[in-house]
Amino acid sequence: MAKLVEFVPNFSEGRDKAKVEKIVDEARKIKNLRILDYSSDADHNRSVVTIIGSPEAVTEAAINMAKEAAELIDMRTHEGAHPRFGAVDVVPFTPVSEVTMEECVAIANTVGKAYGDMGIPVYLYEDACTKEARRNLASVRKGQYEGFFEKIKDPEWVPDYGPAEMNEKSGCSAVGARAALVAFNVNLNTSDLSIADAIAKKVRHIGGGLRYVKAMGVMLEERNQVQVSMNLVNYEKSAVYQAFEMIKMEARRYGVSVVGSEIIGTVPMKSLLMAAEYYLQIENFDINQILEKQLLD
């Protein structure tokens, strides 16, 4: 099998489609690369692109897309529901085939240095972190763009690459190496953000919830609804259906219900099959019973 790395950059632009297309175009120009998915959310004011390719191709794409994003996105005027601290906000690399996590860490460092040379302060996170306090993305990004003008002055938060002062236009970037995750959001039939916040606190690990779930409440202005937005960083140990059922259970305490859910970007097939097996109560299910699985083998 070929050496393949997944690369899922998150850009702080979800309302101007022309800008998003220009950023994605930089990936389209590169050989040995495939864009699997990209989506934009106006409420979050954020776009997520899922790309797979050779280590060399994803490295080139990460650098070229960042150059375009830094030119097009001005964080001084950015606003949105999703936490962010930079134009090229989050850049994770994940091993797919014939690639080790150590190789993804090396890619993260190459890309991080390139961003730093562009004048963007860079923080390495997850398996690429240089300090344990920087492993968790939420810890790195705490304070967001507005708070980083002071946070970056703290000796504990000197960037891994780039200048030790805030880039007013482009902000900072978090570049990392991590296992595959599921970005899973659940929408509720209420506009009360405090309810989504309370449920998120119950569901996420830091609040005593599921071990491998990160969650926060988000307001969807266009729908006049709130959302529990989650990252499942280990979907086998904290499953999609477990997070969904826990949100339904907690929502009942507030007299609200789930009206829908969404997955951002691509998702491992096994995570959805686990949900199907649970809800359909399928006994002795085997992944090889999936027709398409047999055809692809």
Protein backbone atom coordinates (compact mmCIF):
# COMPACT_ATOMS: atom_id res chain seq x y z
CA MET A 1 0.00 0.00 0.00
CA ALA A 2 1.05 3.60 -0.59
CA LYS A 3 2.12 5.89 2.24
CA LEU A 4 -0.92 8.02 3.06
CA VAL A 5 -1.55 10.81 5.56
CA GLU A 6 -4.85 12.51 6.33
CA PHE A 7 -4.70 16.28 6.77
CA VAL A 8 -7.69 18.23 8.12
CA PRO A 9 -7.02 21.98 8.17
CA ASN A 10 -9.60 24.25 9.83
CA PHE A 11 -9.75 27.81 8.49
CA SER A 12 -11.48 30.75 10.18
CA GLU A 13 -13.69 31.59 7.22
CA GLY A 14 -17.10 30.09 6.61
CA ARG A 15 -19.12 32.90 5.07
CA ASP A 16 -17.19 34.04 2.00
CA LYS A 17 -17.29 31.05 -0.36
CA ALA A 18 -15.00 32.71 -2.88
CA LYS A 19 -12.22 32.93 -0.29
CA VAL A 20 -12.74 29.31 0.74
CA GLU A 21 -12.52 28.16 -2.89
CA LYS A 22 -9.25 30.04 -3.38
CA ILE A 23 -7.77 28.32 -0.34
CA VAL A 24 -8.95 24.88 -1.47
CA ASP A 25 -7.64 25.58 -4.99
CA GLU A 26 -4.11 25.50 -3.58
CA ALA A 27 -4.65 21.83 -2.72
CA ARG A 28 -6.23 21.07 -6.09
CA LYS A 29 -2.98 22.05 -7.80
CA ILE A 30 -0.93 19.35 -6.07
CA LYS A 31 -0.35 15.83 -7.38
CA ASN A 32 -0.66 12.71 -5.21
CA LEU A 33 -3.38 14.44 -3.22
CA ARG A 34 -7.12 13.92 -2.96
CA ILE A 35 -9.66 16.28 -1.40
CA LEU A 36 -12.15 14.00 0.34
CA ASP A 37 -14.46 16.64 1.72
CA TYR A 38 -14.77 20.30 2.58
CA SER A 39 -17.57 22.19 4.25
CA SER A 40 -18.25 25.67 5.59
CA ASP A 41 -20.49 26.81 8.42
CA ALA A 42 -21.68 30.41 8.56
CA ASP A 43 -22.59 30.32 12.26
CA HIS A 44 -19.21 28.88 13.20
CA ASN A 45 -17.60 31.05 10.50
CA ARG A 46 -15.26 28.18 9.82
CA SER A 47 -14.34 25.78 7.03
CA VAL A 48 -12.97 22.27 7.44
CA VAL A 49 -11.14 20.50 4.61
CA THR A 50 -10.31 16.79 4.64
CA ILE A 51 -7.40 15.79 2.42
CA ILE A 52 -5.47 12.56 1.96
CA GLY A 53 -2.16 12.11 0.18
CA SER A 54 1.50 11.25 0.37
CA PRO A 55 3.54 12.83 3.18
CA GLU A 56 5.23 15.14 0.69
CA ALA A 57 1.94 16.19 -0.92
CA VAL A 58 0.13 16.99 2.33
CA THR A 59 3.15 18.96 3.55
CA GLU A 60 3.11 21.06 0.37
CA ALA A 61 -0.66 21.53 0.60
CA ALA A 62 -0.51 22.60 4.24
CA ILE A 63 2.04 25.27 3.47
CA ASN A 64 0.48 26.58 0.25
CA MET A 65 -3.07 26.69 1.66
CA ALA A 66 -1.80 28.58 4.70
CA LYS A 67 -0.09 31.19 2.53
CA GLU A 68 -3.37 31.82 0.71
CA ALA A 69 -5.43 31.84 3.92
CA ALA A 70 -3.05 34.29 5.59
CA GLU A 71 -3.50 36.61 2.63
CA LEU A 72 -7.32 36.36 2.48
CA ILE A 73 -8.43 36.11 6.14
CA ASP A 74 -8.19 39.02 8.55
CA MET A 75 -8.70 37.94 12.15
CA ARG A 76 -9.15 41.55 13.26
CA THR A 77 -12.68 41.44 11.85
CA HIS A 78 -13.48 37.76 12.41
CA GLU A 79 -16.40 36.64 14.55
CA GLY A 80 -18.15 33.29 14.91
CA ALA A 81 -19.52 30.77 17.37
CA HIS A 82 -16.56 28.39 17.19
CA PRO A 83 -13.44 28.94 19.33
CA ARG A 84 -10.51 30.14 17.22
CA PHE A 85 -7.21 31.94 17.56
CA GLY A 86 -5.99 32.17 14.00
CA ALA A 87 -6.80 32.25 10.30
CA VAL A 88 -5.16 28.85 9.82
CA ASP A 89 -6.60 27.76 13.12
CA VAL A 90 -5.93 24.03 13.45
CA VAL A 91 -3.80 21.76 11.27
CA PRO A 92 -3.75 18.08 12.33
CA PHE A 93 -2.01 15.20 10.53
CA THR A 94 -3.17 11.60 10.96
CA PRO A 95 -1.47 8.39 9.79
CA VAL A 96 -3.62 6.34 7.39
CA SER A 97 -1.43 3.67 5.78
CA GLU A 98 2.27 2.78 5.88
CA VAL A 99 2.92 5.91 7.95
CA THR A 100 3.76 6.08 11.64
CA MET A 101 2.64 8.67 14.16
CA GLU A 102 6.30 9.68 14.46
CA GLU A 103 6.34 10.54 10.76
CA CYS A 104 3.22 12.67 11.24
CA VAL A 105 4.95 14.45 14.12
CA ALA A 106 7.87 15.19 11.76
CA ILE A 107 5.43 16.59 9.17
CA ALA A 108 3.84 18.77 11.85
CA ASN A 109 7.24 20.18 12.74
CA THR A 110 8.11 20.88 9.09
CA VAL A 111 4.79 22.65 8.56
CA GLY A 112 5.04 24.46 11.90
CA LYS A 113 8.45 25.85 11.01
CA ALA A 114 7.15 27.01 7.62
CA TYR A 115 4.26 28.82 9.29
CA GLY A 116 6.65 30.38 11.77
CA ASP A 117 8.76 31.65 8.87
CA MET A 118 5.57 33.35 7.58
CA GLY A 119 5.35 35.26 10.86
CA ILE A 120 2.63 33.09 12.41
CA PRO A 121 3.15 31.90 16.01
CA VAL A 122 2.75 28.12 16.06
CA TYR A 123 1.85 25.74 18.88
CA LEU A 124 2.38 22.00 18.45
CA TYR A 125 -0.38 19.87 20.01
CA GLU A 126 -1.51 16.26 20.64
CA ASP A 127 1.28 13.77 19.76
CA ALA A 128 3.44 16.57 18.35
CA CYS A 129 3.34 18.62 21.59
CA THR A 130 6.62 19.76 23.14
CA LYS A 131 5.02 20.24 26.57
CA GLU A 132 2.30 18.11 28.15
CA ALA A 133 0.32 21.28 28.91
CA ARG A 134 0.02 21.80 25.13
CA ARG A 135 -1.30 18.35 24.26
CA ASN A 136 -4.96 19.36 24.56
CA LEU A 137 -6.09 21.74 21.80
CA ALA A 138 -8.60 23.41 24.11
CA SER A 139 -5.79 24.31 26.53
CA VAL A 140 -3.66 25.73 23.73
CA ARG A 141 -6.47 27.81 22.24
CA LYS A 142 -7.87 29.01 25.59
CA GLY A 143 -8.30 32.79 25.51
CA GLN A 144 -8.87 32.69 21.74
CA TYR A 145 -7.63 35.36 19.35
CA GLU A 146 -8.55 38.28 21.58
CA GLY A 147 -6.87 36.81 24.66
CA PHE A 148 -3.65 35.75 22.97
CA PHE A 149 -2.24 39.25 22.78
CA GLU A 150 -1.52 38.85 26.52
CA LYS A 151 -1.24 35.05 26.74
CA ILE A 152 1.62 34.91 24.25
CA LYS A 153 3.70 37.12 26.58
CA ASP A 154 3.61 34.44 29.28
CA PRO A 155 6.93 32.50 29.30
CA GLU A 156 4.88 29.27 29.50
CA TRP A 157 3.23 30.13 26.19
CA VAL A 158 6.21 31.04 24.03
CA PRO A 159 5.38 29.55 20.60
CA ASP A 160 7.14 26.43 19.32
CA TYR A 161 7.78 28.22 16.03
CA GLY A 162 7.46 31.79 14.84
CA PRO A 163 7.54 35.13 16.64
CA ALA A 164 6.76 35.41 20.35
CA GLU A 165 4.23 38.14 19.64
CA MET A 166 0.72 38.04 18.26
CA ASN A 167 0.18 38.32 14.52
CA GLU A 168 -2.72 40.78 14.41
CA LYS A 169 -3.97 39.76 10.99
CA SER A 170 -3.39 35.99 10.99
CA GLY A 171 -3.34 35.16 14.70
CA CYS A 172 -1.75 31.85 15.72
CA SER A 173 -1.90 28.27 14.44
CA ALA A 174 -2.10 24.92 16.23
CA VAL A 175 -0.31 22.20 14.25
CA GLY A 176 -0.42 18.63 15.46
CA ALA A 177 -0.37 14.89 14.90
CA ARG A 178 -3.25 12.78 16.21
CA ALA A 179 -5.36 9.69 15.75
CA ALA A 180 -8.54 9.85 13.64
CA LEU A 181 -11.45 11.57 15.38
CA VAL A 182 -15.15 12.04 14.74
CA ALA A 183 -16.48 15.61 14.67
CA PHE A 184 -20.09 15.07 15.73
CA ASN A 185 -22.67 17.76 16.52
CA VAL A 186 -26.16 17.40 17.99
CA ASN A 187 -28.84 20.09 17.55
CA LEU A 188 -31.53 20.84 20.16
CA ASN A 189 -34.99 22.40 19.82
CA THR A 190 -34.18 25.42 21.98
CA SER A 191 -32.41 28.75 21.56
CA ASP A 192 -31.17 28.75 25.16
CA LEU A 193 -27.39 28.47 24.92
CA SER A 194 -27.08 27.85 28.66
CA ILE A 195 -28.83 24.49 28.16
CA ALA A 196 -26.35 23.40 25.47
CA ASP A 197 -23.48 24.55 27.68
CA ALA A 198 -24.82 22.57 30.65
CA ILE A 199 -25.28 19.43 28.56
CA ALA A 200 -21.81 19.78 27.04
CA LYS A 201 -20.29 19.98 30.51
CA LYS A 202 -22.01 16.74 31.48
CA VAL A 203 -21.00 14.90 28.31
CA ARG A 204 -17.33 15.86 28.07
CA HIS A 205 -14.58 14.11 29.98
CA ILE A 206 -13.43 17.17 31.92
CA GLY A 207 -16.94 17.43 33.41
CA GLY A 208 -17.10 13.77 34.42
CA GLY A 209 -18.64 12.51 31.18
CA LEU A 210 -17.30 10.26 28.44
CA ARG A 211 -13.54 9.76 28.57
CA TYR A 212 -12.74 10.58 24.95
CA VAL A 213 -15.28 13.33 24.27
CA LYS A 214 -14.66 17.07 24.05
CA ALA A 215 -17.82 19.16 23.91
CA MET A 216 -19.11 22.72 23.98
CA GLY A 217 -22.38 24.55 23.46
CA VAL A 218 -22.79 26.57 20.27
CA MET A 219 -25.50 28.99 19.11
CA LEU A 220 -26.77 28.47 15.55
CA GLU A 221 -28.07 31.95 14.75
CA GLU A 222 -29.52 31.07 11.36
CA ARG A 223 -31.65 28.28 12.85
CA ASN A 224 -32.32 29.95 16.18
CA GLN A 225 -31.21 26.70 17.82
CA VAL A 226 -28.36 25.58 20.00
CA GLN A 227 -25.95 22.75 19.37
CA VAL A 228 -23.71 20.48 21.41
CA SER A 229 -20.56 20.41 19.30
CA MET A 230 -18.20 17.51 19.97
CA ASN A 231 -14.92 15.88 19.01
CA LEU A 232 -14.73 12.16 19.74
CA VAL A 233 -10.99 11.61 19.91
CA ASN A 234 -11.33 7.83 20.33
CA TYR A 235 -14.63 6.70 18.82
CA GLU A 236 -14.05 3.04 19.76
CA LYS A 237 -13.86 3.80 23.48
CA SER A 238 -16.35 6.71 23.48
CA ALA A 239 -18.76 5.79 20.70
CA VAL A 240 -20.98 8.06 18.61
CA TYR A 241 -24.13 6.37 19.90
CA GLN A 242 -22.99 6.77 23.51
CA ALA A 243 -22.52 10.52 23.09
CA PHE A 244 -25.85 10.82 21.27
CA GLU A 245 -27.77 8.90 23.93
CA MET A 246 -26.16 10.85 26.76
CA ILE A 247 -27.17 14.15 25.16
CA LYS A 248 -30.75 12.90 24.72
CA MET A 249 -30.83 11.85 28.37
CA GLU A 250 -29.48 15.16 29.66
CA ALA A 251 -31.75 17.18 27.33
CA ARG A 252 -34.82 15.64 28.92
CA ARG A 253 -33.89 17.29 32.21
CA TYR A 254 -34.49 20.67 30.55
CA GLY A 255 -37.61 19.67 28.64
CA VAL A 256 -35.88 19.85 25.26
CA SER A 257 -35.21 17.24 22.61
CA VAL A 258 -32.77 16.42 19.84
CA VAL A 259 -33.87 17.62 16.38
CA GLY A 260 -30.90 16.46 14.36
CA SER A 261 -27.20 15.74 14.24
CA GLU A 262 -24.35 16.21 11.81
CA ILE A 263 -20.89 14.88 11.10
CA ILE A 264 -18.24 17.35 9.96
CA GLY A 265 -15.76 16.07 7.42
CA THR A 266 -15.14 12.38 6.86
CA VAL A 267 -15.79 9.64 9.40
CA PRO A 268 -14.38 6.13 9.91
CA MET A 269 -16.89 3.55 8.67
CA LYS A 270 -16.56 1.54 11.86
CA SER A 271 -17.89 4.43 13.98
CA LEU A 272 -21.21 4.39 12.08
CA LEU A 273 -21.40 0.61 11.96
CA MET A 274 -21.07 0.58 15.75
CA ALA A 275 -24.09 2.92 15.92
CA ALA A 276 -26.09 0.74 13.51
CA GLU A 277 -25.24 -2.38 15.50
CA TYR A 278 -26.36 -0.68 18.72
CA TYR A 279 -29.65 0.80 17.48
CA LEU A 280 -30.67 -2.22 15.42
CA GLN A 281 -29.55 -4.62 18.17
CA ILE A 282 -27.79 -6.76 15.58
CA GLU A 283 -26.39 -9.92 17.13
CA ASN A 284 -22.96 -11.27 16.21
CA PHE A 285 -22.47 -8.58 13.56
CA ASP A 286 -19.26 -8.69 11.54
CA ILE A 287 -17.93 -5.87 9.35
CA ASN A 288 -17.38 -8.38 6.54
CA GLN A 289 -21.17 -8.64 6.19
CA ILE A 290 -21.07 -5.20 4.53
CA LEU A 291 -21.28 -5.73 0.76
CA GLU A 292 -19.08 -2.76 -0.10
CA LYS A 293 -16.43 -3.99 2.33
CA GLN A 294 -16.20 -7.24 0.41
CA LEU A 295 -15.94 -5.37 -2.91
CA LEU A 296 -13.15 -3.12 -1.66
CA ASP A 297 -11.01 -5.92 -0.21
